[in-house]
Amino acid sequence: MEWRMVYITERGHMAYLDPDEHWNGFVRPWFTKEEALAMNEWLGEFEDGLVYDEANDLFYTTYDAECREEFVGKDIDGYHLYPIGNGSWTWCIDEEE
């Protein structure tokens, strides 16, 4: 596992991932809480964007009311991280980082 810059839109986000682990050809990143909150700059166009539920230590999306996605926090290698879109979004490694 290593820290890498990943992206879906033109803005990248720092993520912890195994660069050899993929879902449908896309990487499966884990993010800090701060980085996940920063995603709301572009996720804000989807209703409430990415919402943090402190009581359950998870983020959820509201862009599809019929298919809410939840991303539960987990401790990995001494970091507390969230699998935002890990296995469902088209994250790519920024090779120019």
Protein backbone atom coordinates (compact mmCIF):
# COMPACT_ATOMS: atom_id res chain seq x y z
CA MET A 1 0.00 0.00 0.00
CA GLU A 2 1.20 3.50 -0.80
CA TRP A 3 0.02 7.11 -0.97
CA ARG A 4 -0.79 8.21 -4.53
CA MET A 5 -2.72 11.02 -6.20
CA VAL A 6 -5.92 9.73 -7.81
CA TYR A 7 -8.62 11.44 -9.81
CA ILE A 8 -12.03 11.15 -11.44
CA THR A 9 -12.41 14.80 -12.38
CA GLU A 10 -9.64 17.28 -13.15
CA ARG A 11 -8.91 17.69 -9.41
CA GLY A 12 -6.85 14.95 -7.81
CA HIS A 13 -7.08 13.58 -4.28
CA MET A 14 -4.39 11.95 -2.19
CA ALA A 15 -5.31 8.34 -1.45
CA TYR A 16 -3.84 5.24 0.16
CA LEU A 17 -4.02 2.22 -2.15
CA ASP A 18 -2.47 -0.87 -3.59
CA PRO A 19 -1.69 0.23 -7.17
CA ASP A 20 -2.04 -3.39 -8.34
CA GLU A 21 -5.55 -3.87 -6.89
CA HIS A 22 -8.31 -2.93 -9.35
CA TRP A 23 -12.05 -3.04 -9.87
CA ASN A 24 -13.08 -3.08 -13.55
CA GLY A 25 -9.68 -1.61 -14.42
CA PHE A 26 -9.85 1.23 -11.85
CA VAL A 27 -7.89 1.60 -8.61
CA ARG A 28 -9.52 1.09 -5.21
CA PRO A 29 -8.46 4.05 -3.02
CA TRP A 30 -8.86 4.81 0.68
CA PHE A 31 -9.04 8.44 1.88
CA THR A 32 -8.55 10.42 5.08
CA LYS A 33 -11.60 12.18 6.47
CA GLU A 34 -10.15 15.55 5.43
CA GLU A 35 -9.58 14.43 1.85
CA ALA A 36 -13.08 12.95 1.65
CA LEU A 37 -14.59 16.24 2.83
CA ALA A 38 -12.55 18.09 0.19
CA MET A 39 -14.34 16.05 -2.49
CA ASN A 40 -17.46 18.11 -1.89
CA GLU A 41 -15.98 20.82 -4.13
CA TRP A 42 -17.11 18.74 -7.10
CA LEU A 43 -19.57 16.35 -5.45
CA GLY A 44 -21.68 19.28 -4.27
CA GLU A 45 -23.48 19.21 -7.61
CA PHE A 46 -25.13 15.97 -6.42
CA GLU A 47 -27.65 17.09 -3.79
CA ASP A 48 -25.66 17.10 -0.52
CA GLY A 49 -22.54 15.56 -2.05
CA LEU A 50 -20.65 13.40 0.40
CA VAL A 51 -22.13 13.50 3.90
CA TYR A 52 -20.28 12.43 7.06
CA ASP A 53 -22.31 10.50 9.65
CA GLU A 54 -20.27 10.86 12.85
CA ALA A 55 -22.42 8.48 14.91
CA ASN A 56 -21.67 5.62 12.51
CA ASP A 57 -18.22 6.79 11.32
CA LEU A 58 -19.16 6.67 7.65
CA PHE A 59 -19.64 8.84 4.61
CA TYR A 60 -22.62 8.44 2.32
CA THR A 61 -23.67 9.88 -1.01
CA THR A 62 -27.03 11.29 -1.95
CA TYR A 63 -26.65 11.52 -5.72
CA ASP A 64 -28.93 8.51 -6.25
CA ALA A 65 -31.79 8.43 -3.75
CA GLU A 66 -32.65 4.86 -4.71
CA CYS A 67 -29.10 3.55 -4.30
CA ARG A 68 -27.36 5.26 -1.38
CA GLU A 69 -23.66 4.38 -1.13
CA GLU A 70 -22.02 4.17 2.31
CA PHE A 71 -18.29 4.20 3.00
CA VAL A 72 -17.42 3.03 6.54
CA GLY A 73 -14.20 4.14 8.23
CA LYS A 74 -11.52 1.54 8.83
CA ASP A 75 -8.03 1.47 10.38
CA ILE A 76 -5.39 0.42 7.85
CA ASP A 77 -1.66 0.45 8.59
CA GLY A 78 -2.11 3.01 11.37
CA TYR A 79 -4.36 5.35 9.33
CA HIS A 80 -8.12 5.82 9.75
CA LEU A 81 -9.47 5.79 6.18
CA TYR A 82 -12.67 5.71 4.15
CA PRO A 83 -13.17 3.72 0.91
CA ILE A 84 -14.89 6.52 -1.05
CA GLY A 85 -15.97 4.93 -4.32
CA ASN A 86 -13.61 2.00 -3.73
CA GLY A 87 -15.04 -0.64 -6.04
CA SER A 88 -17.74 1.52 -7.60
CA TRP A 89 -16.24 4.78 -8.92
CA THR A 90 -13.78 5.20 -11.78
CA TRP A 91 -10.67 6.31 -9.87
CA CYS A 92 -7.39 6.50 -11.82
CA ILE A 93 -3.83 7.07 -10.64
CA ASP A 94 -2.40 10.43 -11.63
CA GLU A 95 0.77 9.34 -13.43
CA GLU A 96 2.00 12.96 -13.62
CA GLU A 97 2.13 13.49 -9.85
